[in-house]
Amino acid sequence: MTKWFFEPGHTAAEFRARHMMVTYVRGQLKNVHGLLEVDPDEPEKARVEATVDATQVYTGTVGHPLVGGGAGPRAQAPRRIHRQDTHQPA
């Protein structure tokens, strides 16, 4: 089993969301912590665990509601943890 750790300073979770069915808003969640475990002989048993700080969403747009202070969805759930122990084909 090989184990890799995500380095928060060099890792980001990126996303893309549809905006008003016209364009996409892209963003990053920085400061990602976690690990990835893979057995080269059994890659289907790979395991990933990641924790992201959802209070630090960066969209590249000044004044975007997801950036800066105030209430909103990010203030209600500032940290997300994702764990996956099973392989799901893309």
PDB file of N, CA and C in Angstrom:
ATOM      1  N   MET A   1       0.850  -1.179   0.000  1.00  0.00           N
ATOM      2  CA  MET A   1       0.000   0.000   0.000  1.00  0.00           C
ATOM      3  C   MET A   1       0.892   1.238   0.000  1.00  0.00           C
ATOM      4  N   THR A   2       0.664   2.125  -0.944  1.00  0.00           N
ATOM      5  CA  THR A   2       1.390   3.383  -1.025  1.00  0.00           C
ATOM      6  C   THR A   2       0.495   4.488  -0.490  1.00  0.00           C
ATOM      7  N   LYS A   3       1.061   5.380   0.316  1.00  0.00           N
ATOM      8  CA  LYS A   3       0.273   6.450   0.919  1.00  0.00           C
ATOM      9  C   LYS A   3       0.890   7.796   0.563  1.00  0.00           C
ATOM     10  N   TRP A   4       0.052   8.708   0.053  1.00  0.00           N
ATOM     11  CA  TRP A   4       0.459  10.070  -0.232  1.00  0.00           C
ATOM     12  C   TRP A   4      -0.355  11.009   0.643  1.00  0.00           C
ATOM     13  N   PHE A   5       0.295  12.049   1.138  1.00  0.00           N
ATOM     14  CA  PHE A   5      -0.391  13.070   1.937  1.00  0.00           C
ATOM     15  C   PHE A   5      -0.510  14.338   1.109  1.00  0.00           C
ATOM     16  N   PHE A   6      -1.675  14.983   1.169  1.00  0.00           N
ATOM     17  CA  PHE A   6      -1.871  16.250   0.473  1.00  0.00           C
ATOM     18  C   PHE A   6      -1.175  17.343   1.270  1.00  0.00           C
ATOM     19  N   GLU A   7      -0.365  18.147   0.605  1.00  0.00           N
ATOM     20  CA  GLU A   7       0.292  19.275   1.248  1.00  0.00           C
ATOM     21  C   GLU A   7      -0.609  20.492   1.074  1.00  0.00           C
ATOM     22  N   PRO A   8      -1.125  21.068   2.166  1.00  0.00           N
ATOM     23  CA  PRO A   8      -2.067  22.178   2.065  1.00  0.00           C
ATOM     24  C   PRO A   8      -1.578  23.347   1.211  1.00  0.00           C
ATOM     25  N   GLY A   9      -0.311  23.657   1.246  1.00  0.00           N
ATOM     26  CA  GLY A   9       0.209  24.769   0.456  1.00  0.00           C
ATOM     27  C   GLY A   9       0.312  24.486  -1.026  1.00  0.00           C
ATOM     28  N   HIS A  10       0.186  23.219  -1.418  1.00  0.00           N
ATOM     29  CA  HIS A  10       0.337  22.835  -2.823  1.00  0.00           C
ATOM     30  C   HIS A  10      -0.885  22.085  -3.363  1.00  0.00           C
ATOM     31  N   THR A  11      -1.995  22.131  -2.633  1.00  0.00           N
ATOM     32  CA  THR A  11      -3.172  21.366  -3.023  1.00  0.00           C
ATOM     33  C   THR A  11      -4.409  22.250  -2.999  1.00  0.00           C
ATOM     34  N   ALA A  12      -5.296  22.074  -3.972  1.00  0.00           N
ATOM     35  CA  ALA A  12      -6.571  22.794  -3.999  1.00  0.00           C
ATOM     36  C   ALA A  12      -7.630  21.871  -4.589  1.00  0.00           C
ATOM     37  N   ALA A  13      -8.842  21.992  -4.082  1.00  0.00           N
ATOM     38  CA  ALA A  13      -9.988  21.296  -4.674  1.00  0.00           C
ATOM     39  C   ALA A  13     -10.665  22.318  -5.588  1.00  0.00           C
ATOM     40  N   GLU A  14     -10.843  21.970  -6.841  1.00  0.00           N
ATOM     41  CA  GLU A  14     -11.435  22.904  -7.795  1.00  0.00           C
ATOM     42  C   GLU A  14     -12.845  22.469  -8.160  1.00  0.00           C
ATOM     43  N   PHE A  15     -13.681  23.451  -8.489  1.00  0.00           N
ATOM     44  CA  PHE A  15     -15.056  23.140  -8.884  1.00  0.00           C
ATOM     45  C   PHE A  15     -15.490  24.082 -10.001  1.00  0.00           C
ATOM     46  N   ARG A  16     -16.593  23.698 -10.619  1.00  0.00           N
ATOM     47  CA  ARG A  16     -17.221  24.501 -11.667  1.00  0.00           C
ATOM     48  C   ARG A  16     -18.718  24.375 -11.472  1.00  0.00           C
ATOM     49  N   ALA A  17     -19.430  25.500 -11.435  1.00  0.00           N
ATOM     50  CA  ALA A  17     -20.876  25.496 -11.243  1.00  0.00           C
ATOM     51  C   ALA A  17     -21.538  26.341 -12.330  1.00  0.00           C
ATOM     52  N   ARG A  18     -22.677  25.886 -12.786  1.00  0.00           N
ATOM     53  CA  ARG A  18     -23.429  26.604 -13.820  1.00  0.00           C
ATOM     54  C   ARG A  18     -24.055  27.845 -13.199  1.00  0.00           C
ATOM     55  N   HIS A  19     -23.938  28.984 -13.889  1.00  0.00           N
ATOM     56  CA  HIS A  19     -24.509  30.238 -13.408  1.00  0.00           C
ATOM     57  C   HIS A  19     -25.569  30.717 -14.390  1.00  0.00           C
ATOM     58  N   MET A  20     -26.822  30.709 -13.967  1.00  0.00           N
ATOM     59  CA  MET A  20     -27.966  31.175 -14.751  1.00  0.00           C
ATOM     60  C   MET A  20     -28.046  30.522 -16.134  1.00  0.00           C
ATOM     61  N   MET A  21     -27.558  29.311 -16.256  1.00  0.00           N
ATOM     62  CA  MET A  21     -27.580  28.548 -17.506  1.00  0.00           C
ATOM     63  C   MET A  21     -26.880  29.269 -18.658  1.00  0.00           C
ATOM     64  N   VAL A  22     -26.022  30.231 -18.334  1.00  0.00           N
ATOM     65  CA  VAL A  22     -25.333  30.998 -19.362  1.00  0.00           C
ATOM     66  C   VAL A  22     -23.843  30.707 -19.363  1.00  0.00           C
ATOM     67  N   THR A  23     -23.265  30.669 -18.178  1.00  0.00           N
ATOM     68  CA  THR A  23     -21.823  30.518 -18.063  1.00  0.00           C
ATOM     69  C   THR A  23     -21.499  29.648 -16.857  1.00  0.00           C
ATOM     70  N   TYR A  24     -20.246  29.444 -16.630  1.00  0.00           N
ATOM     71  CA  TYR A  24     -19.794  28.685 -15.469  1.00  0.00           C
ATOM     72  C   TYR A  24     -19.007  29.585 -14.529  1.00  0.00           C
ATOM     73  N   VAL A  25     -19.152  29.350 -13.248  1.00  0.00           N
ATOM     74  CA  VAL A  25     -18.319  29.977 -12.237  1.00  0.00           C
ATOM     75  C   VAL A  25     -17.341  28.904 -11.789  1.00  0.00           C
ATOM     76  N   ARG A  26     -16.072  29.224 -11.845  1.00  0.00           N
ATOM     77  CA  ARG A  26     -15.048  28.290 -11.391  1.00  0.00           C
ATOM     78  C   ARG A  26     -14.489  28.786 -10.071  1.00  0.00           C
ATOM     79  N   GLY A  27     -14.066  27.856  -9.249  1.00  0.00           N
ATOM     80  CA  GLY A  27     -13.505  28.251  -7.972  1.00  0.00           C
ATOM     81  C   GLY A  27     -12.579  27.215  -7.408  1.00  0.00           C
ATOM     82  N   GLN A  28     -11.908  27.614  -6.352  1.00  0.00           N
ATOM     83  CA  GLN A  28     -10.975  26.731  -5.653  1.00  0.00           C
ATOM     84  C   GLN A  28     -11.224  26.791  -4.162  1.00  0.00           C
ATOM     85  N   LEU A  29     -11.043  25.665  -3.538  1.00  0.00           N
ATOM     86  CA  LEU A  29     -11.022  25.555  -2.083  1.00  0.00           C
ATOM     87  C   LEU A  29      -9.586  25.213  -1.742  1.00  0.00           C
ATOM     88  N   LYS A  30      -8.907  26.156  -1.131  1.00  0.00           N
ATOM     89  CA  LYS A  30      -7.495  25.935  -0.813  1.00  0.00           C
ATOM     90  C   LYS A  30      -7.364  25.370   0.588  1.00  0.00           C
ATOM     91  N   ASN A  31      -6.157  25.132   1.017  1.00  0.00           N
ATOM     92  CA  ASN A  31      -5.870  24.587   2.345  1.00  0.00           C
ATOM     93  C   ASN A  31      -6.498  23.197   2.517  1.00  0.00           C
ATOM     94  N   VAL A  32      -6.278  22.333   1.545  1.00  0.00           N
ATOM     95  CA  VAL A  32      -6.802  20.966   1.569  1.00  0.00           C
ATOM     96  C   VAL A  32      -5.846  20.068   2.343  1.00  0.00           C
ATOM     97  N   HIS A  33      -6.389  19.326   3.274  1.00  0.00           N
ATOM     98  CA  HIS A  33      -5.616  18.341   4.034  1.00  0.00           C
ATOM     99  C   HIS A  33      -6.158  16.966   3.682  1.00  0.00           C
ATOM    100  N   GLY A  34      -5.319  15.960   3.666  1.00  0.00           N
ATOM    101  CA  GLY A  34      -5.832  14.616   3.423  1.00  0.00           C
ATOM    102  C   GLY A  34      -4.762  13.643   3.003  1.00  0.00           C
ATOM    103  N   LEU A  35      -5.250  12.492   2.543  1.00  0.00           N
ATOM    104  CA  LEU A  35      -4.339  11.435   2.111  1.00  0.00           C
ATOM    105  C   LEU A  35      -4.983  10.580   1.033  1.00  0.00           C
ATOM    106  N   LEU A  36      -4.142   9.895   0.306  1.00  0.00           N
ATOM    107  CA  LEU A  36      -4.562   8.951  -0.728  1.00  0.00           C
ATOM    108  C   LEU A  36      -3.750   7.690  -0.531  1.00  0.00           C
ATOM    109  N   GLU A  37      -4.433   6.553  -0.405  1.00  0.00           N
ATOM    110  CA  GLU A  37      -3.760   5.262  -0.268  1.00  0.00           C
ATOM    111  C   GLU A  37      -4.120   4.399  -1.469  1.00  0.00           C
ATOM    112  N   VAL A  38      -3.096   3.848  -2.125  1.00  0.00           N
ATOM    113  CA  VAL A  38      -3.307   3.017  -3.310  1.00  0.00           C
ATOM    114  C   VAL A  38      -2.381   1.816  -3.261  1.00  0.00           C
ATOM    115  N   ASP A  39      -2.941   0.660  -3.542  1.00  0.00           N
ATOM    116  CA  ASP A  39      -2.152  -0.555  -3.722  1.00  0.00           C
ATOM    117  C   ASP A  39      -2.076  -0.788  -5.227  1.00  0.00           C
ATOM    118  N   PRO A  40      -0.894  -0.681  -5.840  1.00  0.00           N
ATOM    119  CA  PRO A  40      -0.775  -0.838  -7.289  1.00  0.00           C
ATOM    120  C   PRO A  40      -1.341  -2.164  -7.808  1.00  0.00           C
ATOM    121  N   ASP A  41      -1.333  -3.197  -6.964  1.00  0.00           N
ATOM    122  CA  ASP A  41      -1.864  -4.492  -7.384  1.00  0.00           C
ATOM    123  C   ASP A  41      -3.385  -4.562  -7.274  1.00  0.00           C
ATOM    124  N   GLU A  42      -3.979  -3.687  -6.462  1.00  0.00           N
ATOM    125  CA  GLU A  42      -5.431  -3.654  -6.283  1.00  0.00           C
ATOM    126  C   GLU A  42      -5.926  -2.205  -6.243  1.00  0.00           C
ATOM    127  N   PRO A  43      -5.826  -1.491  -7.370  1.00  0.00           N
ATOM    128  CA  PRO A  43      -6.211  -0.077  -7.371  1.00  0.00           C
ATOM    129  C   PRO A  43      -7.687   0.153  -7.056  1.00  0.00           C
ATOM    130  N   GLU A  44      -8.516  -0.857  -7.262  1.00  0.00           N
ATOM    131  CA  GLU A  44      -9.944  -0.706  -6.958  1.00  0.00           C
ATOM    132  C   GLU A  44     -10.200  -0.548  -5.454  1.00  0.00           C
ATOM    133  N   LYS A  45      -9.198  -0.829  -4.638  1.00  0.00           N
ATOM    134  CA  LYS A  45      -9.325  -0.676  -3.191  1.00  0.00           C
ATOM    135  C   LYS A  45      -8.686   0.627  -2.700  1.00  0.00           C
ATOM    136  N   ALA A  46      -8.475   1.556  -3.614  1.00  0.00           N
ATOM    137  CA  ALA A  46      -7.879   2.838  -3.229  1.00  0.00           C
ATOM    138  C   ALA A  46      -8.777   3.550  -2.230  1.00  0.00           C
ATOM    139  N   ARG A  47      -8.147   4.348  -1.392  1.00  0.00           N
ATOM    140  CA  ARG A  47      -8.868   5.086  -0.347  1.00  0.00           C
ATOM    141  C   ARG A  47      -8.400   6.524  -0.361  1.00  0.00           C
ATOM    142  N   VAL A  48      -9.350   7.462  -0.281  1.00  0.00           N
ATOM    143  CA  VAL A  48      -9.019   8.882  -0.229  1.00  0.00           C
ATOM    144  C   VAL A  48      -9.771   9.517   0.932  1.00  0.00           C
ATOM    145  N   GLU A  49      -9.112  10.454   1.580  1.00  0.00           N
ATOM    146  CA  GLU A  49      -9.739  11.227   2.649  1.00  0.00           C
ATOM    147  C   GLU A  49      -9.248  12.662   2.506  1.00  0.00           C
ATOM    148  N   ALA A  50     -10.171  13.617   2.467  1.00  0.00           N
ATOM    149  CA  ALA A  50      -9.799  15.018   2.297  1.00  0.00           C
ATOM    150  C   ALA A  50     -10.667  15.907   3.176  1.00  0.00           C
ATOM    151  N   THR A  51     -10.053  16.939   3.727  1.00  0.00           N
ATOM    152  CA  THR A  51     -10.757  17.941   4.509  1.00  0.00           C
ATOM    153  C   THR A  51     -10.470  19.293   3.877  1.00  0.00           C
ATOM    154  N   VAL A  52     -11.521  20.051   3.577  1.00  0.00           N
ATOM    155  CA  VAL A  52     -11.352  21.376   2.986  1.00  0.00           C
ATOM    156  C   VAL A  52     -12.020  22.420   3.871  1.00  0.00           C
ATOM    157  N   ASP A  53     -11.470  23.613   3.864  1.00  0.00           N
ATOM    158  CA  ASP A  53     -12.014  24.732   4.616  1.00  0.00           C
ATOM    159  C   ASP A  53     -12.905  25.535   3.681  1.00  0.00           C
ATOM    160  N   ALA A  54     -14.219  25.361   3.788  1.00  0.00           N
ATOM    161  CA  ALA A  54     -15.164  26.001   2.883  1.00  0.00           C
ATOM    162  C   ALA A  54     -15.347  27.487   3.159  1.00  0.00           C
ATOM    163  N   THR A  55     -14.707  28.023   4.194  1.00  0.00           N
ATOM    164  CA  THR A  55     -14.776  29.466   4.430  1.00  0.00           C
ATOM    165  C   THR A  55     -13.806  30.212   3.527  1.00  0.00           C
ATOM    166  N   GLN A  56     -12.931  29.497   2.840  1.00  0.00           N
ATOM    167  CA  GLN A  56     -11.919  30.119   1.997  1.00  0.00           C
ATOM    168  C   GLN A  56     -12.129  29.764   0.528  1.00  0.00           C
ATOM    169  N   VAL A  57     -13.322  30.007   0.014  1.00  0.00           N
ATOM    170  CA  VAL A  57     -13.619  29.754  -1.397  1.00  0.00           C
ATOM    171  C   VAL A  57     -13.055  30.914  -2.212  1.00  0.00           C
ATOM    172  N   TYR A  58     -12.311  30.600  -3.258  1.00  0.00           N
ATOM    173  CA  TYR A  58     -11.746  31.618  -4.135  1.00  0.00           C
ATOM    174  C   TYR A  58     -12.325  31.427  -5.529  1.00  0.00           C
ATOM    175  N   THR A  59     -12.989  32.477  -6.055  1.00  0.00           N
ATOM    176  CA  THR A  59     -13.568  32.399  -7.393  1.00  0.00           C
ATOM    177  C   THR A  59     -12.867  33.330  -8.370  1.00  0.00           C
ATOM    178  N   GLY A  60     -11.957  34.168  -7.874  1.00  0.00           N
ATOM    179  CA  GLY A  60     -11.265  35.105  -8.746  1.00  0.00           C
ATOM    180  C   GLY A  60     -12.075  36.354  -9.024  1.00  0.00           C
ATOM    181  N   THR A  61     -13.242  36.480  -8.427  1.00  0.00           N
ATOM    182  CA  THR A  61     -14.106  37.626  -8.642  1.00  0.00           C
ATOM    183  C   THR A  61     -14.213  38.427  -7.351  1.00  0.00           C
ATOM    184  N   VAL A  62     -13.750  39.661  -7.363  1.00  0.00           N
ATOM    185  CA  VAL A  62     -13.834  40.520  -6.186  1.00  0.00           C
ATOM    186  C   VAL A  62     -15.299  40.811  -5.896  1.00  0.00           C
ATOM    187  N   GLY A  63     -15.671  40.704  -4.622  1.00  0.00           N
ATOM    188  CA  GLY A  63     -17.048  40.987  -4.238  1.00  0.00           C
ATOM    189  C   GLY A  63     -17.996  39.821  -4.433  1.00  0.00           C
ATOM    190  N   HIS A  64     -17.483  38.669  -4.843  1.00  0.00           N
ATOM    191  CA  HIS A  64     -18.342  37.494  -5.017  1.00  0.00           C
ATOM    192  C   HIS A  64     -18.892  37.086  -3.657  1.00  0.00           C
ATOM    193  N   PRO A  65     -20.183  36.689  -3.559  1.00  0.00           N
ATOM    194  CA  PRO A  65     -20.772  36.367  -2.258  1.00  0.00           C
ATOM    195  C   PRO A  65     -20.087  35.225  -1.509  1.00  0.00           C
ATOM    196  N   LEU A  66     -19.318  34.399  -2.186  1.00  0.00           N
ATOM    197  CA  LEU A  66     -18.636  33.304  -1.495  1.00  0.00           C
ATOM    198  C   LEU A  66     -17.298  33.741  -0.921  1.00  0.00           C
ATOM    199  N   VAL A  67     -16.880  34.974  -1.209  1.00  0.00           N
ATOM    200  CA  VAL A  67     -15.592  35.461  -0.739  1.00  0.00           C
ATOM    201  C   VAL A  67     -15.834  36.603   0.245  1.00  0.00           C
ATOM    202  N   GLY A  68     -15.124  36.607   1.359  1.00  0.00           N
ATOM    203  CA  GLY A  68     -15.251  37.687   2.327  1.00  0.00           C
ATOM    204  C   GLY A  68     -16.137  37.294   3.490  1.00  0.00           C
ATOM    205  N   GLY A  69     -16.463  38.272   4.323  1.00  0.00           N
ATOM    206  CA  GLY A  69     -17.231  38.005   5.537  1.00  0.00           C
ATOM    207  C   GLY A  69     -18.720  37.957   5.282  1.00  0.00           C
ATOM    208  N   GLY A  70     -19.464  37.777   6.367  1.00  0.00           N
ATOM    209  CA  GLY A  70     -20.918  37.783   6.268  1.00  0.00           C
ATOM    210  C   GLY A  70     -21.513  36.405   6.399  1.00  0.00           C
ATOM    211  N   ALA A  71     -22.831  36.377   6.425  1.00  0.00           N
ATOM    212  CA  ALA A  71     -23.555  35.113   6.556  1.00  0.00           C
ATOM    213  C   ALA A  71     -23.679  34.448   5.198  1.00  0.00           C
ATOM    214  N   GLY A  72     -24.231  33.298   5.193  1.00  0.00           N
ATOM    215  CA  GLY A  72     -24.418  32.563   3.946  1.00  0.00           C
ATOM    216  C   GLY A  72     -24.094  31.112   4.138  1.00  0.00           C
ATOM    217  N   PRO A  73     -24.176  30.324   3.048  1.00  0.00           N
ATOM    218  CA  PRO A  73     -23.948  28.883   3.157  1.00  0.00           C
ATOM    219  C   PRO A  73     -22.577  28.525   3.710  1.00  0.00           C
ATOM    220  N   ARG A  74     -21.553  29.288   3.342  1.00  0.00           N
ATOM    221  CA  ARG A  74     -20.203  28.943   3.802  1.00  0.00           C
ATOM    222  C   ARG A  74     -20.045  29.171   5.297  1.00  0.00           C
ATOM    223  N   ALA A  75     -20.799  30.143   5.879  1.00  0.00           N
ATOM    224  CA  ALA A  75     -20.699  30.409   7.310  1.00  0.00           C
ATOM    225  C   ALA A  75     -21.361  29.300   8.127  1.00  0.00           C
ATOM    226  N   GLN A  76     -22.320  28.600   7.532  1.00  0.00           N
ATOM    227  CA  GLN A  76     -23.041  27.549   8.242  1.00  0.00           C
ATOM    228  C   GLN A  76     -22.265  26.239   8.307  1.00  0.00           C
ATOM    229  N   ALA A  77     -21.460  25.951   7.326  1.00  0.00           N
ATOM    230  CA  ALA A  77     -20.724  24.677   7.283  1.00  0.00           C
ATOM    231  C   ALA A  77     -19.308  24.942   6.794  1.00  0.00           C
ATOM    232  N   PRO A  78     -18.428  25.451   7.665  1.00  0.00           N
ATOM    233  CA  PRO A  78     -17.116  25.886   7.214  1.00  0.00           C
ATOM    234  C   PRO A  78     -16.133  24.782   6.847  1.00  0.00           C
ATOM    235  N   ARG A  79     -16.383  23.546   7.248  1.00  0.00           N
ATOM    236  CA  ARG A  79     -15.412  22.491   6.954  1.00  0.00           C
ATOM    237  C   ARG A  79     -16.137  21.280   6.394  1.00  0.00           C
ATOM    238  N   ARG A  80     -15.615  20.717   5.334  1.00  0.00           N
ATOM    239  CA  ARG A  80     -16.178  19.526   4.711  1.00  0.00           C
ATOM    240  C   ARG A  80     -15.138  18.418   4.750  1.00  0.00           C
ATOM    241  N   ILE A  81     -15.584  17.225   5.074  1.00  0.00           N
ATOM    242  CA  ILE A  81     -14.695  16.067   5.099  1.00  0.00           C
ATOM    243  C   ILE A  81     -15.248  15.046   4.121  1.00  0.00           C
ATOM    244  N   HIS A  82     -14.400  14.545   3.242  1.00  0.00           N
ATOM    245  CA  HIS A  82     -14.803  13.534   2.267  1.00  0.00           C
ATOM    246  C   HIS A  82     -13.954  12.290   2.477  1.00  0.00           C
ATOM    247  N   ARG A  83     -14.625  11.160   2.617  1.00  0.00           N
ATOM    248  CA  ARG A  83     -13.918   9.878   2.719  1.00  0.00           C
ATOM    249  C   ARG A  83     -14.526   8.929   1.695  1.00  0.00           C
ATOM    250  N   GLN A  84     -13.677   8.232   1.002  1.00  0.00           N
ATOM    251  CA  GLN A  84     -14.153   7.269   0.014  1.00  0.00           C
ATOM    252  C   GLN A  84     -13.279   6.035   0.083  1.00  0.00           C
ATOM    253  N   ASP A  85     -13.906   4.904   0.350  1.00  0.00           N
ATOM    254  CA  ASP A  85     -13.175   3.660   0.470  1.00  0.00           C
ATOM    255  C   ASP A  85     -13.448   2.683  -0.673  1.00  0.00           C
ATOM    256  N   THR A  86     -14.349   3.033  -1.557  1.00  0.00           N
ATOM    257  CA  THR A  86     -14.681   2.131  -2.662  1.00  0.00           C
ATOM    258  C   THR A  86     -14.441   2.811  -3.984  1.00  0.00           C
ATOM    259  N   HIS A  87     -14.169   2.026  -4.973  1.00  0.00           N
ATOM    260  CA  HIS A  87     -13.911   2.535  -6.324  1.00  0.00           C
ATOM    261  C   HIS A  87     -15.235   2.801  -7.028  1.00  0.00           C
ATOM    262  N   GLN A  88     -15.364   3.969  -7.620  1.00  0.00           N
ATOM    263  CA  GLN A  88     -16.550   4.313  -8.400  1.00  0.00           C
ATOM    264  C   GLN A  88     -16.086   4.741  -9.773  1.00  0.00           C
ATOM    265  N   PRO A  89     -16.385   3.959 -10.812  1.00  0.00           N
ATOM    266  CA  PRO A  89     -15.926   4.307 -12.163  1.00  0.00           C
ATOM    267  C   PRO A  89     -16.433   5.682 -12.590  1.00  0.00           C
ATOM    268  N   ALA A  90     -15.602   6.396 -13.325  1.00  0.00           N
ATOM    269  CA  ALA A  90     -15.986   7.741 -13.792  1.00  0.00           C
ATOM    270  C   ALA A  90     -16.950   7.641 -14.945  1.00  0.00           C
TER     271      ALA A  90
END
